[in-house]
């Protein structure tokens, strides 16, 4: 993908998340639209210096666990925390891309808003 599109959308974040309620989706088209929407007005052409490419590789992970970002025991995070507290899984499970995506999605969608309300 074009570097100005990617860098404009990420804003110094290491990972982007989005959600979908569709069972079957075209992840490539969905992410292209998402990147365009997130970087609208923030793209800065980087030019093409000698030997440099304006293309960057981007990986997309799709979490196909129904309700993974659901609240409480219906989601992925609380049961995983329960397993970790009972020493049935390693803390490394929380660094898996799918788990990181769910955590970031929940933070961006719910927790950040709650944090704003509490600190306001």
PDB file of N, CA and C in Angstrom:
ATOM      1  N   UNK A   1       0.840  -1.167   0.000  1.00  0.00           N
ATOM      2  CA  UNK A   1       0.000   0.000   0.000  1.00  0.00           C
ATOM      3  C   UNK A   1       0.890   1.237   0.000  1.00  0.00           C
ATOM      4  N   UNK A   2       0.329   2.334  -0.431  1.00  0.00           N
ATOM      5  CA  UNK A   2       1.074   3.591  -0.459  1.00  0.00           C
ATOM      6  C   UNK A   2       1.433   4.016   0.966  1.00  0.00           C
ATOM      7  N   UNK A   3       2.688   4.425   1.167  1.00  0.00           N
ATOM      8  CA  UNK A   3       3.145   4.763   2.517  1.00  0.00           C
ATOM      9  C   UNK A   3       2.388   5.938   3.134  1.00  0.00           C
ATOM     10  N   UNK A   4       2.039   6.939   2.338  1.00  0.00           N
ATOM     11  CA  UNK A   4       1.331   8.086   2.922  1.00  0.00           C
ATOM     12  C   UNK A   4      -0.063   7.693   3.407  1.00  0.00           C
ATOM     13  N   UNK A   5      -0.680   6.722   2.751  1.00  0.00           N
ATOM     14  CA  UNK A   5      -1.982   6.222   3.176  1.00  0.00           C
ATOM     15  C   UNK A   5      -1.850   5.488   4.509  1.00  0.00           C
ATOM     16  N   UNK A   6      -0.859   4.624   4.604  1.00  0.00           N
ATOM     17  CA  UNK A   6      -0.663   3.833   5.819  1.00  0.00           C
ATOM     18  C   UNK A   6      -0.236   4.713   6.987  1.00  0.00           C
ATOM     19  N   UNK A   7       0.796   5.533   6.804  1.00  0.00           N
ATOM     20  CA  UNK A   7       1.296   6.361   7.894  1.00  0.00           C
ATOM     21  C   UNK A   7       0.264   7.407   8.329  1.00  0.00           C
ATOM     22  N   UNK A   8      -0.520   7.909   7.394  1.00  0.00           N
ATOM     23  CA  UNK A   8      -1.570   8.866   7.737  1.00  0.00           C
ATOM     24  C   UNK A   8      -2.665   8.242   8.580  1.00  0.00           C
ATOM     25  N   UNK A   9      -2.929   6.959   8.368  1.00  0.00           N
ATOM     26  CA  UNK A   9      -3.989   6.278   9.105  1.00  0.00           C
ATOM     27  C   UNK A   9      -3.533   5.798  10.478  1.00  0.00           C
ATOM     28  N   UNK A  10      -2.271   5.405  10.614  1.00  0.00           N
ATOM     29  CA  UNK A  10      -1.800   4.821  11.866  1.00  0.00           C
ATOM     30  C   UNK A  10      -1.546   5.858  12.966  1.00  0.00           C
ATOM     31  N   UNK A  11      -1.139   7.084  12.651  1.00  0.00           N
ATOM     32  CA  UNK A  11      -0.894   8.123  13.660  1.00  0.00           C
ATOM     33  C   UNK A  11      -0.045   7.618  14.834  1.00  0.00           C
ATOM     34  N   UNK A  12       1.055   6.994  14.567  1.00  0.00           N
ATOM     35  CA  UNK A  12       1.979   6.476  15.595  1.00  0.00           C
ATOM     36  C   UNK A  12       1.416   5.310  16.402  1.00  0.00           C
ATOM     37  N   UNK A  13       0.311   4.736  15.997  1.00  0.00           N
ATOM     38  CA  UNK A  13      -0.229   3.542  16.658  1.00  0.00           C
ATOM     39  C   UNK A  13       0.432   2.316  16.038  1.00  0.00           C
ATOM     40  N   UNK A  14       0.741   1.300  16.845  1.00  0.00           N
ATOM     41  CA  UNK A  14       1.367   0.101  16.291  1.00  0.00           C
ATOM     42  C   UNK A  14       0.382  -0.848  15.617  1.00  0.00           C
ATOM     43  N   UNK A  15      -0.915  -0.693  15.943  1.00  0.00           N
ATOM     44  CA  UNK A  15      -1.912  -1.614  15.409  1.00  0.00           C
ATOM     45  C   UNK A  15      -3.233  -0.856  15.257  1.00  0.00           C
ATOM     46  N   UNK A  16      -3.967  -1.150  14.202  1.00  0.00           N
ATOM     47  CA  UNK A  16      -5.298  -0.575  13.992  1.00  0.00           C
ATOM     48  C   UNK A  16      -6.322  -1.686  14.145  1.00  0.00           C
ATOM     49  N   UNK A  17      -7.479  -1.354  14.656  1.00  0.00           N
ATOM     50  CA  UNK A  17      -8.545  -2.344  14.776  1.00  0.00           C
ATOM     51  C   UNK A  17      -9.850  -1.761  14.256  1.00  0.00           C
ATOM     52  N   UNK A  18     -10.694  -2.641  13.817  1.00  0.00           N
ATOM     53  CA  UNK A  18     -12.038  -2.272  13.407  1.00  0.00           C
ATOM     54  C   UNK A  18     -12.915  -3.497  13.603  1.00  0.00           C
ATOM     55  N   UNK A  19     -14.195  -3.314  13.591  1.00  0.00           N
ATOM     56  CA  UNK A  19     -15.105  -4.430  13.797  1.00  0.00           C
ATOM     57  C   UNK A  19     -16.083  -4.567  12.641  1.00  0.00           C
ATOM     58  N   UNK A  20     -16.669  -5.736  12.557  1.00  0.00           N
ATOM     59  CA  UNK A  20     -17.676  -5.985  11.542  1.00  0.00           C
ATOM     60  C   UNK A  20     -18.644  -7.035  12.066  1.00  0.00           C
ATOM     61  N   UNK A  21     -19.894  -6.847  11.767  1.00  0.00           N
ATOM     62  CA  UNK A  21     -20.883  -7.843  12.171  1.00  0.00           C
ATOM     63  C   UNK A  21     -21.179  -8.819  11.033  1.00  0.00           C
ATOM     64  N   UNK A  22     -20.508  -8.649   9.902  1.00  0.00           N
ATOM     65  CA  UNK A  22     -20.724  -9.531   8.746  1.00  0.00           C
ATOM     66  C   UNK A  22     -19.968 -10.840   8.920  1.00  0.00           C
ATOM     67  N   UNK A  23     -20.626 -11.923   8.573  1.00  0.00           N
ATOM     68  CA  UNK A  23     -19.989 -13.238   8.655  1.00  0.00           C
ATOM     69  C   UNK A  23     -18.966 -13.410   7.549  1.00  0.00           C
ATOM     70  N   UNK A  24     -19.281 -12.982   6.355  1.00  0.00           N
ATOM     71  CA  UNK A  24     -18.361 -13.070   5.213  1.00  0.00           C
ATOM     72  C   UNK A  24     -18.039 -11.652   4.782  1.00  0.00           C
ATOM     73  N   UNK A  25     -16.753 -11.328   4.724  1.00  0.00           N
ATOM     74  CA  UNK A  25     -16.388  -9.995   4.303  1.00  0.00           C
ATOM     75  C   UNK A  25     -15.114 -10.031   3.484  1.00  0.00           C
ATOM     76  N   UNK A  26     -14.962  -9.025   2.666  1.00  0.00           N
ATOM     77  CA  UNK A  26     -13.754  -8.853   1.880  1.00  0.00           C
ATOM     78  C   UNK A  26     -12.820  -7.996   2.734  1.00  0.00           C
ATOM     79  N   UNK A  27     -11.932  -8.649   3.477  1.00  0.00           N
ATOM     80  CA  UNK A  27     -11.073  -7.944   4.437  1.00  0.00           C
ATOM     81  C   UNK A  27     -10.188  -6.908   3.748  1.00  0.00           C
ATOM     82  N   UNK A  28      -9.691  -7.226   2.570  1.00  0.00           N
ATOM     83  CA  UNK A  28      -8.807  -6.278   1.870  1.00  0.00           C
ATOM     84  C   UNK A  28      -9.558  -4.990   1.526  1.00  0.00           C
ATOM     85  N   UNK A  29     -10.755  -5.125   0.971  1.00  0.00           N
ATOM     86  CA  UNK A  29     -11.546  -3.946   0.612  1.00  0.00           C
ATOM     87  C   UNK A  29     -11.973  -3.186   1.868  1.00  0.00           C
ATOM     88  N   UNK A  30     -12.347  -3.911   2.921  1.00  0.00           N
ATOM     89  CA  UNK A  30     -12.761  -3.264   4.159  1.00  0.00           C
ATOM     90  C   UNK A  30     -11.615  -2.436   4.742  1.00  0.00           C
ATOM     91  N   UNK A  31     -10.399  -3.009   4.771  1.00  0.00           N
ATOM     92  CA  UNK A  31      -9.255  -2.286   5.336  1.00  0.00           C
ATOM     93  C   UNK A  31      -8.825  -1.122   4.456  1.00  0.00           C
ATOM     94  N   UNK A  32      -8.917  -1.282   3.147  1.00  0.00           N
ATOM     95  CA  UNK A  32      -8.568  -0.171   2.260  1.00  0.00           C
ATOM     96  C   UNK A  32      -9.500   1.015   2.529  1.00  0.00           C
ATOM     97  N   UNK A  33     -10.799   0.738   2.653  1.00  0.00           N
ATOM     98  CA  UNK A  33     -11.769   1.795   2.953  1.00  0.00           C
ATOM     99  C   UNK A  33     -11.503   2.401   4.328  1.00  0.00           C
ATOM    100  N   UNK A  34     -11.180   1.552   5.299  1.00  0.00           N
ATOM    101  CA  UNK A  34     -10.905   2.020   6.659  1.00  0.00           C
ATOM    102  C   UNK A  34      -9.673   2.925   6.687  1.00  0.00           C
ATOM    103  N   UNK A  35      -8.613   2.537   5.996  1.00  0.00           N
ATOM    104  CA  UNK A  35      -7.396   3.350   5.946  1.00  0.00           C
ATOM    105  C   UNK A  35      -7.667   4.692   5.283  1.00  0.00           C
ATOM    106  N   UNK A  36      -8.415   4.670   4.194  1.00  0.00           N
ATOM    107  CA  UNK A  36      -8.754   5.922   3.511  1.00  0.00           C
ATOM    108  C   UNK A  36      -9.549   6.846   4.435  1.00  0.00           C
ATOM    109  N   UNK A  37     -10.505   6.283   5.168  1.00  0.00           N
ATOM    110  CA  UNK A  37     -11.330   7.092   6.063  1.00  0.00           C
ATOM    111  C   UNK A  37     -10.500   7.668   7.218  1.00  0.00           C
ATOM    112  N   UNK A  38      -9.578   6.881   7.750  1.00  0.00           N
ATOM    113  CA  UNK A  38      -8.783   7.337   8.898  1.00  0.00           C
ATOM    114  C   UNK A  38      -7.740   8.384   8.534  1.00  0.00           C
ATOM    115  N   UNK A  39      -7.286   8.385   7.295  1.00  0.00           N
ATOM    116  CA  UNK A  39      -6.206   9.325   6.958  1.00  0.00           C
ATOM    117  C   UNK A  39      -6.704  10.503   6.128  1.00  0.00           C
ATOM    118  N   UNK A  40      -8.000  10.625   5.955  1.00  0.00           N
ATOM    119  CA  UNK A  40      -8.551  11.727   5.169  1.00  0.00           C
ATOM    120  C   UNK A  40      -8.002  13.066   5.664  1.00  0.00           C
ATOM    121  N   UNK A  41      -7.359  13.796   4.764  1.00  0.00           N
ATOM    122  CA  UNK A  41      -6.801  15.097   5.099  1.00  0.00           C
ATOM    123  C   UNK A  41      -5.463  15.046   5.810  1.00  0.00           C
ATOM    124  N   UNK A  42      -4.930  13.847   6.051  1.00  0.00           N
ATOM    125  CA  UNK A  42      -3.670  13.729   6.788  1.00  0.00           C
ATOM    126  C   UNK A  42      -2.552  13.139   5.940  1.00  0.00           C
ATOM    127  N   UNK A  43      -2.818  12.867   4.677  1.00  0.00           N
ATOM    128  CA  UNK A  43      -1.796  12.265   3.824  1.00  0.00           C
ATOM    129  C   UNK A  43      -0.751  13.294   3.431  1.00  0.00           C
ATOM    130  N   UNK A  44       0.494  12.888   3.554  1.00  0.00           N
ATOM    131  CA  UNK A  44       1.607  13.743   3.159  1.00  0.00           C
ATOM    132  C   UNK A  44       2.459  12.967   2.165  1.00  0.00           C
ATOM    133  N   UNK A  45       2.468  13.364   0.910  1.00  0.00           N
ATOM    134  CA  UNK A  45       3.275  12.637  -0.068  1.00  0.00           C
ATOM    135  C   UNK A  45       4.737  12.601   0.374  1.00  0.00           C
ATOM    136  N   UNK A  46       5.338  11.413   0.268  1.00  0.00           N
ATOM    137  CA  UNK A  46       6.712  11.252   0.722  1.00  0.00           C
ATOM    138  C   UNK A  46       7.712  11.348  -0.413  1.00  0.00           C
ATOM    139  N   UNK A  47       7.239  11.345  -1.634  1.00  0.00           N
ATOM    140  CA  UNK A  47       8.167  11.405  -2.764  1.00  0.00           C
ATOM    141  C   UNK A  47       8.840  10.066  -2.977  1.00  0.00           C
ATOM    142  N   UNK A  48       9.628   9.993  -4.019  1.00  0.00           N
ATOM    143  CA  UNK A  48      10.299   8.740  -4.325  1.00  0.00           C
ATOM    144  C   UNK A  48      11.785   9.030  -4.466  1.00  0.00           C
ATOM    145  N   UNK A  49      12.516   8.912  -3.366  1.00  0.00           N
ATOM    146  CA  UNK A  49      13.957   9.154  -3.377  1.00  0.00           C
ATOM    147  C   UNK A  49      14.688   8.033  -4.091  1.00  0.00           C
ATOM    148  N   UNK A  50      15.933   8.239  -4.361  1.00  0.00           N
ATOM    149  CA  UNK A  50      16.747   7.245  -5.071  1.00  0.00           C
ATOM    150  C   UNK A  50      16.803   5.949  -4.272  1.00  0.00           C
ATOM    151  N   UNK A  51      16.333   4.881  -4.863  1.00  0.00           N
ATOM    152  CA  UNK A  51      16.388   3.574  -4.228  1.00  0.00           C
ATOM    153  C   UNK A  51      15.311   3.310  -3.194  1.00  0.00           C
ATOM    154  N   UNK A  52      14.435   4.263  -2.958  1.00  0.00           N
ATOM    155  CA  UNK A  52      13.386   4.083  -1.970  1.00  0.00           C
ATOM    156  C   UNK A  52      12.062   3.797  -2.652  1.00  0.00           C
ATOM    157  N   UNK A  53      11.218   3.069  -1.994  1.00  0.00           N
ATOM    158  CA  UNK A  53       9.887   2.763  -2.513  1.00  0.00           C
ATOM    159  C   UNK A  53       8.857   3.494  -1.676  1.00  0.00           C
ATOM    160  N   UNK A  54       7.775   3.873  -2.287  1.00  0.00           N
ATOM    161  CA  UNK A  54       6.685   4.499  -1.534  1.00  0.00           C
ATOM    162  C   UNK A  54       5.631   3.463  -1.138  1.00  0.00           C
ATOM    163  N   UNK A  55       5.958   2.199  -1.318  1.00  0.00           N
ATOM    164  CA  UNK A  55       5.060   1.113  -0.937  1.00  0.00           C
ATOM    165  C   UNK A  55       5.536   0.501   0.379  1.00  0.00           C
ATOM    166  N   UNK A  56       4.601   0.169   1.259  1.00  0.00           N
ATOM    167  CA  UNK A  56       4.930  -0.540   2.490  1.00  0.00           C
ATOM    168  C   UNK A  56       4.041  -1.771   2.604  1.00  0.00           C
ATOM    169  N   UNK A  57       4.585  -2.805   3.235  1.00  0.00           N
ATOM    170  CA  UNK A  57       3.823  -4.034   3.447  1.00  0.00           C
ATOM    171  C   UNK A  57       2.987  -3.887   4.712  1.00  0.00           C
ATOM    172  N   UNK A  58       1.750  -4.291   4.638  1.00  0.00           N
ATOM    173  CA  UNK A  58       0.842  -4.226   5.779  1.00  0.00           C
ATOM    174  C   UNK A  58       0.209  -5.598   5.934  1.00  0.00           C
ATOM    175  N   UNK A  59       0.189  -6.103   7.173  1.00  0.00           N
ATOM    176  CA  UNK A  59      -0.444  -7.382   7.445  1.00  0.00           C
ATOM    177  C   UNK A  59      -1.779  -7.153   8.123  1.00  0.00           C
ATOM    178  N   UNK A  60      -2.749  -7.956   7.755  1.00  0.00           N
ATOM    179  CA  UNK A  60      -4.069  -7.862   8.381  1.00  0.00           C
ATOM    180  C   UNK A  60      -4.403  -9.200   9.026  1.00  0.00           C
ATOM    181  N   UNK A  61      -4.868  -9.134  10.252  1.00  0.00           N
ATOM    182  CA  UNK A  61      -5.348 -10.317  10.951  1.00  0.00           C
ATOM    183  C   UNK A  61      -6.850 -10.163  11.127  1.00  0.00           C
ATOM    184  N   UNK A  62      -7.555 -11.241  10.877  1.00  0.00           N
ATOM    185  CA  UNK A  62      -9.002 -11.229  11.057  1.00  0.00           C
ATOM    186  C   UNK A  62      -9.327 -12.175  12.204  1.00  0.00           C
ATOM    187  N   UNK A  63      -9.947 -11.647  13.236  1.00  0.00           N
ATOM    188  CA  UNK A  63     -10.350 -12.462  14.378  1.00  0.00           C
ATOM    189  C   UNK A  63     -11.740 -12.992  14.052  1.00  0.00           C
ATOM    190  N   UNK A  64     -11.827 -14.285  13.837  1.00  0.00           N
ATOM    191  CA  UNK A  64     -13.104 -14.872  13.415  1.00  0.00           C
ATOM    192  C   UNK A  64     -13.824 -15.560  14.577  1.00  0.00           C
ATOM    193  N   UNK A  65     -13.637 -15.044  15.755  1.00  0.00           N
ATOM    194  CA  UNK A  65     -14.322 -15.582  16.927  1.00  0.00           C
ATOM    195  C   UNK A  65     -15.571 -14.739  17.143  1.00  0.00           C
ATOM    196  N   UNK A  66     -16.713 -15.352  16.966  1.00  0.00           N
ATOM    197  CA  UNK A  66     -17.971 -14.613  17.123  1.00  0.00           C
ATOM    198  C   UNK A  66     -18.063 -14.024  18.529  1.00  0.00           C
ATOM    199  N   UNK A  67     -18.320 -12.731  18.603  1.00  0.00           N
ATOM    200  CA  UNK A  67     -18.474 -12.065  19.884  1.00  0.00           C
ATOM    201  C   UNK A  67     -17.173 -11.868  20.652  1.00  0.00           C
ATOM    202  N   UNK A  68     -16.023 -11.937  19.983  1.00  0.00           N
ATOM    203  CA  UNK A  68     -14.726 -11.811  20.663  1.00  0.00           C
ATOM    204  C   UNK A  68     -14.619 -10.528  21.466  1.00  0.00           C
ATOM    205  N   UNK A  69     -15.237  -9.464  20.998  1.00  0.00           N
ATOM    206  CA  UNK A  69     -15.176  -8.176  21.707  1.00  0.00           C
ATOM    207  C   UNK A  69     -16.411  -7.958  22.572  1.00  0.00           C
ATOM    208  N   UNK A  70     -17.156  -9.006  22.814  1.00  0.00           N
ATOM    209  CA  UNK A  70     -18.365  -8.895  23.622  1.00  0.00           C
ATOM    210  C   UNK A  70     -18.063  -8.561  25.072  1.00  0.00           C
ATOM    211  N   UNK A  71     -19.073  -8.128  25.809  1.00  0.00           N
ATOM    212  CA  UNK A  71     -18.873  -7.750  27.204  1.00  0.00           C
ATOM    213  C   UNK A  71     -18.715  -8.969  28.121  1.00  0.00           C
ATOM    214  N   UNK A  72     -17.924  -8.798  29.157  1.00  0.00           N
ATOM    215  CA  UNK A  72     -17.801  -9.809  30.201  1.00  0.00           C
ATOM    216  C   UNK A  72     -17.460 -11.194  29.708  1.00  0.00           C
ATOM    217  N   UNK A  73     -18.145 -12.178  30.278  1.00  0.00           N
ATOM    218  CA  UNK A  73     -17.866 -13.577  29.959  1.00  0.00           C
ATOM    219  C   UNK A  73     -18.262 -13.945  28.535  1.00  0.00           C
ATOM    220  N   UNK A  74     -19.030 -13.100  27.857  1.00  0.00           N
ATOM    221  CA  UNK A  74     -19.423 -13.371  26.474  1.00  0.00           C
ATOM    222  C   UNK A  74     -18.281 -13.116  25.506  1.00  0.00           C
ATOM    223  N   UNK A  75     -17.306 -12.327  25.896  1.00  0.00           N
ATOM    224  CA  UNK A  75     -16.183 -11.982  25.026  1.00  0.00           C
ATOM    225  C   UNK A  75     -14.998 -12.902  25.235  1.00  0.00           C
ATOM    226  N   UNK A  76     -13.880 -12.524  24.670  1.00  0.00           N
ATOM    227  CA  UNK A  76     -12.655 -13.320  24.736  1.00  0.00           C
ATOM    228  C   UNK A  76     -11.803 -12.973  25.949  1.00  0.00           C
ATOM    229  N   UNK A  77     -11.794 -11.721  26.376  1.00  0.00           N
ATOM    230  CA  UNK A  77     -10.834 -11.252  27.362  1.00  0.00           C
ATOM    231  C   UNK A  77     -11.088 -11.795  28.772  1.00  0.00           C
ATOM    232  N   UNK A  78     -12.296 -11.710  29.275  1.00  0.00           N
ATOM    233  CA  UNK A  78     -12.554 -12.170  30.643  1.00  0.00           C
ATOM    234  C   UNK A  78     -12.279 -13.665  30.822  1.00  0.00           C
ATOM    235  N   UNK A  79     -12.754 -14.545  29.926  1.00  0.00           N
ATOM    236  CA  UNK A  79     -12.405 -15.965  30.085  1.00  0.00           C
ATOM    237  C   UNK A  79     -10.896 -16.217  29.999  1.00  0.00           C
ATOM    238  N   UNK A  80     -10.202 -15.456  29.157  1.00  0.00           N
ATOM    239  CA  UNK A  80      -8.752 -15.606  29.047  1.00  0.00           C
ATOM    240  C   UNK A  80      -8.075 -15.161  30.353  1.00  0.00           C
ATOM    241  N   UNK A  81      -8.535 -14.053  30.926  1.00  0.00           N
ATOM    242  CA  UNK A  81      -8.008 -13.606  32.222  1.00  0.00           C
ATOM    243  C   UNK A  81      -8.247 -14.656  33.308  1.00  0.00           C
ATOM    244  N   UNK A  82      -9.409 -15.271  33.278  1.00  0.00           N
ATOM    245  CA  UNK A  82      -9.741 -16.307  34.256  1.00  0.00           C
ATOM    246  C   UNK A  82      -8.778 -17.490  34.130  1.00  0.00           C
ATOM    247  N   UNK A  83      -8.484 -17.887  32.897  1.00  0.00           N
ATOM    248  CA  UNK A  83      -7.542 -18.988  32.670  1.00  0.00           C
ATOM    249  C   UNK A  83      -6.139 -18.614  33.130  1.00  0.00           C
ATOM    250  N   UNK A  84      -5.732 -17.377  32.881  1.00  0.00           N
ATOM    251  CA  UNK A  84      -4.406 -16.927  33.290  1.00  0.00           C
ATOM    252  C   UNK A  84      -4.285 -16.888  34.815  1.00  0.00           C
ATOM    253  N   UNK A  85      -5.319 -16.356  35.493  1.00  0.00           N
ATOM    254  CA  UNK A  85      -5.292 -16.302  36.957  1.00  0.00           C
ATOM    255  C   UNK A  85      -5.221 -17.697  37.580  1.00  0.00           C
ATOM    256  N   UNK A  86      -5.846 -18.675  36.921  1.00  0.00           N
ATOM    257  CA  UNK A  86      -5.821 -20.055  37.413  1.00  0.00           C
ATOM    258  C   UNK A  86      -4.555 -20.784  36.966  1.00  0.00           C
ATOM    259  N   UNK A  87      -3.631 -20.043  36.324  1.00  0.00           N
ATOM    260  CA  UNK A  87      -2.356 -20.581  35.836  1.00  0.00           C
ATOM    261  C   UNK A  87      -2.551 -21.693  34.800  1.00  0.00           C
ATOM    262  N   UNK A  88      -3.612 -21.549  33.990  1.00  0.00           N
ATOM    263  CA  UNK A  88      -3.889 -22.513  32.927  1.00  0.00           C
ATOM    264  C   UNK A  88      -3.416 -22.037  31.564  1.00  0.00           C
ATOM    265  N   UNK A  89      -2.927 -20.794  31.509  1.00  0.00           N
ATOM    266  CA  UNK A  89      -2.339 -20.286  30.267  1.00  0.00           C
ATOM    267  C   UNK A  89      -1.262 -19.270  30.620  1.00  0.00           C
ATOM    268  N   UNK A  90      -0.364 -19.063  29.694  1.00  0.00           N
ATOM    269  CA  UNK A  90       0.746 -18.132  29.897  1.00  0.00           C
ATOM    270  C   UNK A  90       0.288 -16.692  29.644  1.00  0.00           C
ATOM    271  N   UNK A  91       0.978 -15.756  30.290  1.00  0.00           N
ATOM    272  CA  UNK A  91       0.710 -14.340  30.042  1.00  0.00           C
ATOM    273  C   UNK A  91       0.993 -13.989  28.582  1.00  0.00           C
ATOM    274  N   UNK A  92       1.823 -14.791  27.921  1.00  0.00           N
ATOM    275  CA  UNK A  92       2.152 -14.571  26.510  1.00  0.00           C
ATOM    276  C   UNK A  92       0.905 -14.634  25.627  1.00  0.00           C
ATOM    277  N   UNK A  93      -0.151 -15.272  26.104  1.00  0.00           N
ATOM    278  CA  UNK A  93      -1.394 -15.339  25.322  1.00  0.00           C
ATOM    279  C   UNK A  93      -1.935 -13.946  25.029  1.00  0.00           C
ATOM    280  N   UNK A  94      -1.658 -12.987  25.917  1.00  0.00           N
ATOM    281  CA  UNK A  94      -2.148 -11.633  25.734  1.00  0.00           C
ATOM    282  C   UNK A  94      -1.355 -10.858  24.678  1.00  0.00           C
ATOM    283  N   UNK A  95      -0.241 -11.419  24.224  1.00  0.00           N
ATOM    284  CA  UNK A  95       0.538 -10.751  23.182  1.00  0.00           C
ATOM    285  C   UNK A  95       0.213 -11.295  21.785  1.00  0.00           C
ATOM    286  N   UNK A  96      -0.677 -12.266  21.706  1.00  0.00           N
ATOM    287  CA  UNK A  96      -1.088 -12.780  20.394  1.00  0.00           C
ATOM    288  C   UNK A  96      -1.811 -11.689  19.615  1.00  0.00           C
ATOM    289  N   UNK A  97      -1.563 -11.594  18.307  1.00  0.00           N
ATOM    290  CA  UNK A  97      -2.202 -10.532  17.511  1.00  0.00           C
ATOM    291  C   UNK A  97      -3.726 -10.497  17.650  1.00  0.00           C
ATOM    292  N   UNK A  98      -4.368 -11.637  17.704  1.00  0.00           N
ATOM    293  CA  UNK A  98      -5.830 -11.658  17.821  1.00  0.00           C
ATOM    294  C   UNK A  98      -6.277 -11.065  19.153  1.00  0.00           C
ATOM    295  N   UNK A  99      -5.590 -11.406  20.229  1.00  0.00           N
ATOM    296  CA  UNK A  99      -5.955 -10.894  21.552  1.00  0.00           C
ATOM    297  C   UNK A  99      -5.652  -9.403  21.635  1.00  0.00           C
ATOM    298  N   UNK A 100      -4.486  -8.980  21.119  1.00  0.00           N
ATOM    299  CA  UNK A 100      -4.146  -7.565  21.100  1.00  0.00           C
ATOM    300  C   UNK A 100      -5.191  -6.763  20.321  1.00  0.00           C
ATOM    301  N   UNK A 101      -5.647  -7.327  19.214  1.00  0.00           N
ATOM    302  CA  UNK A 101      -6.666  -6.643  18.408  1.00  0.00           C
ATOM    303  C   UNK A 101      -7.960  -6.459  19.178  1.00  0.00           C
ATOM    304  N   UNK A 102      -8.376  -7.487  19.890  1.00  0.00           N
ATOM    305  CA  UNK A 102      -9.610  -7.390  20.673  1.00  0.00           C
ATOM    306  C   UNK A 102      -9.447  -6.354  21.786  1.00  0.00           C
ATOM    307  N   UNK A 103      -8.303  -6.377  22.472  1.00  0.00           N
ATOM    308  CA  UNK A 103      -8.057  -5.410  23.552  1.00  0.00           C
ATOM    309  C   UNK A 103      -8.086  -3.992  23.005  1.00  0.00           C
ATOM    310  N   UNK A 104      -7.388  -3.746  21.915  1.00  0.00           N
ATOM    311  CA  UNK A 104      -7.352  -2.398  21.342  1.00  0.00           C
ATOM    312  C   UNK A 104      -8.716  -1.968  20.827  1.00  0.00           C
ATOM    313  N   UNK A 105      -9.450  -2.899  20.210  1.00  0.00           N
ATOM    314  CA  UNK A 105     -10.782  -2.571  19.718  1.00  0.00           C
ATOM    315  C   UNK A 105     -11.694  -2.188  20.878  1.00  0.00           C
ATOM    316  N   UNK A 106     -11.655  -2.975  21.956  1.00  0.00           N
ATOM    317  CA  UNK A 106     -12.502  -2.673  23.108  1.00  0.00           C
ATOM    318  C   UNK A 106     -12.101  -1.342  23.739  1.00  0.00           C
ATOM    319  N   UNK A 107     -10.798  -1.054  23.799  1.00  0.00           N
ATOM    320  CA  UNK A 107     -10.352   0.217  24.367  1.00  0.00           C
ATOM    321  C   UNK A 107     -10.856   1.380  23.516  1.00  0.00           C
ATOM    322  N   UNK A 108     -10.663   1.279  22.205  1.00  0.00           N
ATOM    323  CA  UNK A 108     -11.052   2.370  21.304  1.00  0.00           C
ATOM    324  C   UNK A 108     -12.566   2.553  21.271  1.00  0.00           C
ATOM    325  N   UNK A 109     -13.302   1.461  21.398  1.00  0.00           N
ATOM    326  CA  UNK A 109     -14.747   1.526  21.263  1.00  0.00           C
ATOM    327  C   UNK A 109     -15.471   1.843  22.566  1.00  0.00           C
ATOM    328  N   UNK A 110     -15.017   1.257  23.671  1.00  0.00           N
ATOM    329  CA  UNK A 110     -15.762   1.386  24.919  1.00  0.00           C
ATOM    330  C   UNK A 110     -14.981   2.080  26.044  1.00  0.00           C
ATOM    331  N   UNK A 111     -13.833   1.548  26.375  1.00  0.00           N
ATOM    332  CA  UNK A 111     -13.109   1.998  27.570  1.00  0.00           C
ATOM    333  C   UNK A 111     -12.646   3.442  27.479  1.00  0.00           C
ATOM    334  N   UNK A 112     -12.166   3.881  26.332  1.00  0.00           N
ATOM    335  CA  UNK A 112     -11.696   5.264  26.206  1.00  0.00           C
ATOM    336  C   UNK A 112     -12.843   6.228  26.484  1.00  0.00           C
ATOM    337  N   UNK A 113     -14.031   5.895  26.006  1.00  0.00           N
ATOM    338  CA  UNK A 113     -15.212   6.732  26.243  1.00  0.00           C
ATOM    339  C   UNK A 113     -15.544   6.741  27.735  1.00  0.00           C
ATOM    340  N   UNK A 114     -15.484   5.591  28.404  1.00  0.00           N
ATOM    341  CA  UNK A 114     -15.751   5.518  29.828  1.00  0.00           C
ATOM    342  C   UNK A 114     -14.702   6.306  30.613  1.00  0.00           C
ATOM    343  N   UNK A 115     -13.435   6.196  30.201  1.00  0.00           N
ATOM    344  CA  UNK A 115     -12.356   6.920  30.860  1.00  0.00           C
ATOM    345  C   UNK A 115     -12.598   8.429  30.746  1.00  0.00           C
ATOM    346  N   UNK A 116     -13.071   8.874  29.602  1.00  0.00           N
ATOM    347  CA  UNK A 116     -13.344  10.298  29.399  1.00  0.00           C
ATOM    348  C   UNK A 116     -14.463  10.753  30.316  1.00  0.00           C
ATOM    349  N   UNK A 117     -15.497   9.931  30.468  1.00  0.00           N
ATOM    350  CA  UNK A 117     -16.631  10.282  31.324  1.00  0.00           C
ATOM    351  C   UNK A 117     -16.175  10.348  32.783  1.00  0.00           C
ATOM    352  N   UNK A 118     -15.344   9.413  33.214  1.00  0.00           N
ATOM    353  CA  UNK A 118     -14.888   9.360  34.600  1.00  0.00           C
ATOM    354  C   UNK A 118     -13.977  10.554  34.909  1.00  0.00           C
ATOM    355  N   UNK A 119     -13.109  10.935  33.978  1.00  0.00           N
ATOM    356  CA  UNK A 119     -12.159  12.015  34.242  1.00  0.00           C
ATOM    357  C   UNK A 119     -12.715  13.399  33.929  1.00  0.00           C
ATOM    358  N   UNK A 120     -13.901  13.459  33.336  1.00  0.00           N
ATOM    359  CA  UNK A 120     -14.488  14.763  32.966  1.00  0.00           C
ATOM    360  C   UNK A 120     -15.052  15.487  34.167  1.00  0.00           C
TER     361      UNK A 120
END
